[in-house]
Amino acid sequence: MNGTRMPNESWCEPFSLSLGKAAKSWFRQLPKKTQLRWSLLSSVFLEYYCSQYDQTAQTRYFSARRKENEHICDFLLRLNGYARAAKIQYEAEVPKLQATSSISCHIAGTTP
């Protein structure tokens, strides 16, 4: 909000209120410190939503890799966000063995 007299840290609340459903879900999973600091929030927002803008949503989903030091839950939340953006049905029932081996291979960075 350049050009306003608002301090940077007060930009976080209006920003969060302007988010759509998927982005609100992404925002809620961020650490509180990130939600309250504009410098951190703007950085993670740009990284998450703009870093791979030249890829299709499906390419981003299928090429997703767990980042170094990224908690597995954070990776799966990010992967689910990519699936929603690509309109990939990720909650469909699949045989248990197939789902387990696919997830294990995907996390390890290999293919089944």
N, C-alpha and C. Protein backbone atom coordinates (compact mmCIF):
# COMPACT_ATOMS: atom_id res chain seq x y z
N MET A 1 0.83 -1.18 0.00
CA MET A 1 0.00 0.00 0.00
C MET A 1 0.88 1.24 0.00
N ASN A 2 1.73 1.26 -0.96
CA ASN A 2 2.60 2.42 -1.09
C ASN A 2 1.77 3.66 -1.32
N GLY A 3 2.23 4.76 -0.82
CA GLY A 3 1.51 6.02 -0.99
C GLY A 3 0.49 6.27 0.10
N THR A 4 0.37 5.35 1.06
CA THR A 4 -0.56 5.58 2.17
C THR A 4 0.26 5.92 3.41
N ARG A 5 -0.42 6.39 4.41
CA ARG A 5 0.27 6.72 5.66
C ARG A 5 0.20 5.57 6.65
N MET A 6 -0.34 4.45 6.22
CA MET A 6 -0.44 3.29 7.10
C MET A 6 0.94 2.65 7.28
N PRO A 7 1.30 2.27 8.50
CA PRO A 7 2.56 1.54 8.68
C PRO A 7 2.46 0.16 8.02
N ASN A 8 3.58 -0.34 7.56
CA ASN A 8 3.59 -1.62 6.84
C ASN A 8 2.89 -2.75 7.58
N GLU A 9 3.11 -2.85 8.88
CA GLU A 9 2.55 -3.97 9.64
C GLU A 9 1.02 -3.94 9.68
N SER A 10 0.41 -2.79 9.47
CA SER A 10 -1.05 -2.72 9.50
C SER A 10 -1.66 -3.12 8.15
N TRP A 11 -0.86 -3.45 7.17
CA TRP A 11 -1.37 -3.88 5.86
C TRP A 11 -1.84 -5.33 5.89
N CYS A 12 -1.39 -6.10 6.86
CA CYS A 12 -1.68 -7.53 6.88
C CYS A 12 -3.18 -7.83 7.00
N GLU A 13 -3.87 -7.12 7.88
CA GLU A 13 -5.29 -7.40 8.08
C GLU A 13 -6.13 -7.10 6.84
N PRO A 14 -6.01 -5.91 6.22
CA PRO A 14 -6.80 -5.69 5.00
C PRO A 14 -6.44 -6.68 3.89
N PHE A 15 -5.17 -7.04 3.83
CA PHE A 15 -4.74 -8.02 2.83
C PHE A 15 -5.46 -9.35 3.05
N SER A 16 -5.47 -9.83 4.30
CA SER A 16 -6.11 -11.12 4.58
C SER A 16 -7.61 -11.09 4.30
N LEU A 17 -8.24 -9.94 4.54
CA LEU A 17 -9.68 -9.82 4.28
C LEU A 17 -10.00 -9.80 2.79
N SER A 18 -9.03 -9.48 1.96
CA SER A 18 -9.27 -9.41 0.52
C SER A 18 -9.07 -10.74 -0.19
N LEU A 19 -8.61 -11.76 0.53
CA LEU A 19 -8.29 -13.04 -0.10
C LEU A 19 -9.53 -13.86 -0.41
N GLY A 20 -9.45 -14.64 -1.48
CA GLY A 20 -10.51 -15.57 -1.85
C GLY A 20 -10.44 -16.82 -0.99
N LYS A 21 -11.33 -17.77 -1.25
CA LYS A 21 -11.45 -18.97 -0.41
C LYS A 21 -10.15 -19.78 -0.33
N ALA A 22 -9.55 -20.11 -1.47
CA ALA A 22 -8.32 -20.91 -1.47
C ALA A 22 -7.17 -20.15 -0.82
N ALA A 23 -7.08 -18.87 -1.12
CA ALA A 23 -5.99 -18.06 -0.55
C ALA A 23 -6.17 -17.89 0.96
N LYS A 24 -7.42 -17.80 1.43
CA LYS A 24 -7.66 -17.72 2.88
C LYS A 24 -7.18 -19.00 3.56
N SER A 25 -7.43 -20.13 2.93
CA SER A 25 -6.97 -21.41 3.47
C SER A 25 -5.45 -21.43 3.55
N TRP A 26 -4.80 -20.95 2.50
CA TRP A 26 -3.33 -20.85 2.49
C TRP A 26 -2.87 -19.92 3.61
N PHE A 27 -3.53 -18.78 3.75
CA PHE A 27 -3.14 -17.78 4.75
C PHE A 27 -3.24 -18.33 6.16
N ARG A 28 -4.32 -19.08 6.44
CA ARG A 28 -4.55 -19.60 7.80
C ARG A 28 -3.48 -20.59 8.24
N GLN A 29 -2.86 -21.29 7.28
CA GLN A 29 -1.85 -22.27 7.67
C GLN A 29 -0.47 -21.66 7.89
N LEU A 30 -0.34 -20.35 7.63
CA LEU A 30 0.93 -19.68 7.86
C LEU A 30 1.16 -19.48 9.36
N PRO A 31 2.42 -19.46 9.79
CA PRO A 31 2.70 -19.15 11.20
C PRO A 31 2.17 -17.76 11.56
N LYS A 32 1.75 -17.58 12.80
CA LYS A 32 1.20 -16.28 13.25
C LYS A 32 2.17 -15.14 12.98
N LYS A 33 3.45 -15.39 13.21
CA LYS A 33 4.45 -14.35 12.98
C LYS A 33 4.41 -13.87 11.52
N THR A 34 4.25 -14.80 10.59
CA THR A 34 4.18 -14.46 9.17
C THR A 34 2.89 -13.71 8.86
N GLN A 35 1.79 -14.12 9.49
CA GLN A 35 0.51 -13.45 9.26
C GLN A 35 0.52 -12.00 9.72
N LEU A 36 1.36 -11.68 10.70
CA LEU A 36 1.34 -10.35 11.30
C LEU A 36 2.46 -9.42 10.83
N ARG A 37 3.42 -9.93 10.08
CA ARG A 37 4.53 -9.11 9.59
C ARG A 37 4.45 -8.98 8.07
N TRP A 38 4.26 -7.76 7.59
CA TRP A 38 4.10 -7.53 6.17
C TRP A 38 5.31 -8.00 5.36
N SER A 39 6.50 -7.77 5.85
CA SER A 39 7.70 -8.17 5.10
C SER A 39 7.73 -9.68 4.89
N LEU A 40 7.35 -10.45 5.91
CA LEU A 40 7.31 -11.91 5.78
C LEU A 40 6.13 -12.35 4.93
N LEU A 41 4.97 -11.76 5.18
CA LEU A 41 3.75 -12.14 4.46
C LEU A 41 3.89 -11.88 2.96
N SER A 42 4.36 -10.71 2.59
CA SER A 42 4.48 -10.39 1.17
C SER A 42 5.49 -11.30 0.50
N SER A 43 6.54 -11.65 1.21
CA SER A 43 7.57 -12.53 0.66
C SER A 43 7.02 -13.94 0.39
N VAL A 44 6.33 -14.53 1.38
CA VAL A 44 5.80 -15.88 1.18
C VAL A 44 4.66 -15.89 0.17
N PHE A 45 3.88 -14.81 0.11
CA PHE A 45 2.82 -14.72 -0.88
C PHE A 45 3.40 -14.75 -2.29
N LEU A 46 4.40 -13.92 -2.53
CA LEU A 46 5.02 -13.88 -3.86
C LEU A 46 5.67 -15.21 -4.20
N GLU A 47 6.31 -15.83 -3.22
CA GLU A 47 6.94 -17.13 -3.47
C GLU A 47 5.91 -18.18 -3.82
N TYR A 48 4.81 -18.21 -3.08
CA TYR A 48 3.79 -19.24 -3.28
C TYR A 48 2.97 -19.03 -4.55
N TYR A 49 2.54 -17.79 -4.79
CA TYR A 49 1.62 -17.54 -5.90
C TYR A 49 2.29 -17.06 -7.19
N CYS A 50 3.49 -16.54 -7.12
CA CYS A 50 4.08 -15.93 -8.32
C CYS A 50 5.36 -16.59 -8.80
N SER A 51 5.95 -17.45 -8.02
CA SER A 51 7.27 -17.98 -8.38
C SER A 51 7.23 -18.87 -9.62
N GLN A 52 6.12 -19.54 -9.85
CA GLN A 52 6.05 -20.46 -10.98
C GLN A 52 4.93 -20.06 -11.93
N TYR A 53 4.77 -18.76 -12.13
CA TYR A 53 3.67 -18.27 -12.94
C TYR A 53 3.75 -18.72 -14.39
N ASP A 54 4.95 -19.10 -14.86
CA ASP A 54 5.10 -19.49 -16.25
C ASP A 54 4.74 -20.96 -16.48
N GLN A 55 4.39 -21.69 -15.42
CA GLN A 55 3.99 -23.08 -15.54
C GLN A 55 2.47 -23.20 -15.47
N THR A 56 1.95 -24.24 -16.10
CA THR A 56 0.52 -24.49 -15.95
C THR A 56 0.29 -25.05 -14.55
N ALA A 57 -0.95 -24.99 -14.10
CA ALA A 57 -1.27 -25.49 -12.77
C ALA A 57 -0.97 -26.99 -12.66
N GLN A 58 -1.24 -27.74 -13.73
CA GLN A 58 -0.96 -29.18 -13.70
C GLN A 58 0.54 -29.45 -13.63
N THR A 59 1.33 -28.70 -14.38
CA THR A 59 2.78 -28.88 -14.34
C THR A 59 3.31 -28.57 -12.95
N ARG A 60 2.80 -27.52 -12.35
CA ARG A 60 3.23 -27.14 -10.99
C ARG A 60 2.90 -28.27 -10.01
N TYR A 61 1.71 -28.88 -10.16
CA TYR A 61 1.32 -29.97 -9.26
C TYR A 61 2.23 -31.18 -9.44
N PHE A 62 2.41 -31.60 -10.69
CA PHE A 62 3.16 -32.82 -10.94
C PHE A 62 4.67 -32.65 -10.75
N SER A 63 5.16 -31.43 -10.72
CA SER A 63 6.60 -31.22 -10.51
C SER A 63 6.92 -30.74 -9.09
N ALA A 64 5.92 -30.69 -8.23
CA ALA A 64 6.14 -30.22 -6.85
C ALA A 64 7.09 -31.15 -6.12
N ARG A 65 8.01 -30.56 -5.41
CA ARG A 65 8.97 -31.29 -4.59
C ARG A 65 8.98 -30.68 -3.20
N ARG A 66 9.23 -31.50 -2.23
CA ARG A 66 9.33 -31.01 -0.86
C ARG A 66 10.61 -30.18 -0.73
N LYS A 67 10.46 -28.98 -0.18
CA LYS A 67 11.61 -28.08 -0.01
C LYS A 67 12.46 -28.54 1.17
N GLU A 68 13.73 -28.16 1.13
CA GLU A 68 14.62 -28.50 2.23
C GLU A 68 14.08 -27.88 3.52
N ASN A 69 14.03 -28.66 4.57
CA ASN A 69 13.53 -28.25 5.89
C ASN A 69 12.04 -27.95 5.91
N GLU A 70 11.29 -28.33 4.87
CA GLU A 70 9.84 -28.11 4.86
C GLU A 70 9.17 -29.26 5.59
N HIS A 71 8.33 -28.94 6.55
CA HIS A 71 7.60 -29.96 7.29
C HIS A 71 6.67 -30.69 6.32
N ILE A 72 6.48 -31.99 6.54
CA ILE A 72 5.67 -32.79 5.62
C ILE A 72 4.24 -32.26 5.52
N CYS A 73 3.68 -31.78 6.63
CA CYS A 73 2.32 -31.23 6.60
C CYS A 73 2.26 -29.97 5.74
N ASP A 74 3.28 -29.13 5.82
CA ASP A 74 3.33 -27.93 4.99
C ASP A 74 3.42 -28.29 3.52
N PHE A 75 4.23 -29.32 3.22
CA PHE A 75 4.35 -29.77 1.82
C PHE A 75 3.01 -30.28 1.31
N LEU A 76 2.32 -31.09 2.11
CA LEU A 76 1.04 -31.64 1.67
C LEU A 76 -0.02 -30.55 1.52
N LEU A 77 -0.01 -29.54 2.38
CA LEU A 77 -0.93 -28.41 2.22
C LEU A 77 -0.65 -27.68 0.91
N ARG A 78 0.63 -27.47 0.62
CA ARG A 78 1.01 -26.79 -0.62
C ARG A 78 0.61 -27.64 -1.82
N LEU A 79 0.84 -28.95 -1.74
CA LEU A 79 0.49 -29.86 -2.82
C LEU A 79 -1.02 -29.87 -3.05
N ASN A 80 -1.80 -29.87 -1.97
CA ASN A 80 -3.26 -29.81 -2.10
C ASN A 80 -3.71 -28.51 -2.76
N GLY A 81 -3.04 -27.41 -2.43
CA GLY A 81 -3.34 -26.13 -3.08
C GLY A 81 -3.07 -26.19 -4.56
N TYR A 82 -1.96 -26.81 -4.95
CA TYR A 82 -1.64 -26.98 -6.37
C TYR A 82 -2.71 -27.83 -7.05
N ALA A 83 -3.16 -28.89 -6.36
CA ALA A 83 -4.19 -29.77 -6.93
C ALA A 83 -5.50 -29.01 -7.14
N ARG A 84 -5.88 -28.19 -6.16
CA ARG A 84 -7.10 -27.39 -6.33
C ARG A 84 -6.98 -26.45 -7.52
N ALA A 85 -5.83 -25.80 -7.65
CA ALA A 85 -5.62 -24.86 -8.75
C ALA A 85 -5.66 -25.57 -10.10
N ALA A 86 -5.18 -26.82 -10.13
CA ALA A 86 -5.16 -27.59 -11.38
C ALA A 86 -6.46 -28.36 -11.60
N LYS A 87 -7.40 -28.22 -10.65
CA LYS A 87 -8.68 -28.94 -10.70
C LYS A 87 -8.47 -30.46 -10.78
N ILE A 88 -7.50 -30.92 -9.99
CA ILE A 88 -7.20 -32.35 -9.90
C ILE A 88 -7.93 -32.90 -8.69
N GLN A 89 -8.68 -33.97 -8.90
CA GLN A 89 -9.43 -34.59 -7.81
C GLN A 89 -8.45 -35.37 -6.94
N TYR A 90 -8.09 -34.82 -5.79
CA TYR A 90 -7.10 -35.47 -4.94
C TYR A 90 -7.72 -36.16 -3.74
N GLU A 91 -9.02 -36.09 -3.59
CA GLU A 91 -9.69 -36.74 -2.47
C GLU A 91 -10.46 -37.98 -2.91
N ALA A 92 -10.34 -38.35 -4.18
CA ALA A 92 -11.07 -39.50 -4.69
C ALA A 92 -10.52 -40.78 -4.05
N GLU A 93 -11.40 -41.78 -3.92
CA GLU A 93 -10.95 -43.04 -3.35
C GLU A 93 -10.08 -43.76 -4.37
N VAL A 94 -8.96 -44.23 -3.91
CA VAL A 94 -8.07 -45.05 -4.73
C VAL A 94 -7.67 -46.24 -3.88
N PRO A 95 -7.31 -47.34 -4.52
CA PRO A 95 -6.88 -48.50 -3.73
C PRO A 95 -5.76 -48.10 -2.76
N LYS A 96 -5.84 -48.63 -1.54
CA LYS A 96 -4.93 -48.20 -0.48
C LYS A 96 -3.46 -48.41 -0.85
N LEU A 97 -3.11 -49.56 -1.41
CA LEU A 97 -1.73 -49.84 -1.77
C LEU A 97 -1.23 -48.88 -2.84
N GLN A 98 -2.06 -48.63 -3.85
CA GLN A 98 -1.66 -47.72 -4.93
C GLN A 98 -1.43 -46.31 -4.38
N ALA A 99 -2.33 -45.83 -3.53
CA ALA A 99 -2.20 -44.48 -2.98
C ALA A 99 -0.95 -44.38 -2.12
N THR A 100 -0.69 -45.39 -1.30
CA THR A 100 0.47 -45.36 -0.42
C THR A 100 1.76 -45.36 -1.22
N SER A 101 1.86 -46.21 -2.25
CA SER A 101 3.09 -46.26 -3.03
C SER A 101 3.27 -45.00 -3.85
N SER A 102 2.19 -44.43 -4.36
CA SER A 102 2.30 -43.19 -5.13
C SER A 102 2.77 -42.04 -4.27
N ILE A 103 2.22 -41.93 -3.07
CA ILE A 103 2.62 -40.85 -2.16
C ILE A 103 4.07 -41.04 -1.74
N SER A 104 4.45 -42.27 -1.38
CA SER A 104 5.83 -42.53 -0.97
C SER A 104 6.80 -42.18 -2.08
N CYS A 105 6.48 -42.57 -3.30
CA CYS A 105 7.36 -42.28 -4.43
C CYS A 105 7.41 -40.79 -4.71
N HIS A 106 6.26 -40.12 -4.62
CA HIS A 106 6.22 -38.69 -4.90
C HIS A 106 7.05 -37.92 -3.88
N ILE A 107 6.93 -38.29 -2.62
CA ILE A 107 7.69 -37.60 -1.58
C ILE A 107 9.18 -37.87 -1.75
N ALA A 108 9.53 -39.07 -2.15
CA ALA A 108 10.94 -39.41 -2.34
C ALA A 108 11.50 -38.81 -3.63
N GLY A 109 10.62 -38.31 -4.50
CA GLY A 109 11.07 -37.70 -5.75
C GLY A 109 11.28 -38.72 -6.86
N THR A 110 10.64 -39.88 -6.73
CA THR A 110 10.76 -40.91 -7.75
C THR A 110 9.41 -41.17 -8.37
N THR A 111 9.35 -42.08 -9.30
CA THR A 111 8.07 -42.46 -9.89
C THR A 111 7.81 -43.92 -9.58
N PRO A 112 6.53 -44.32 -9.46
CA PRO A 112 6.22 -45.72 -9.13
C PRO A 112 6.58 -46.66 -10.26
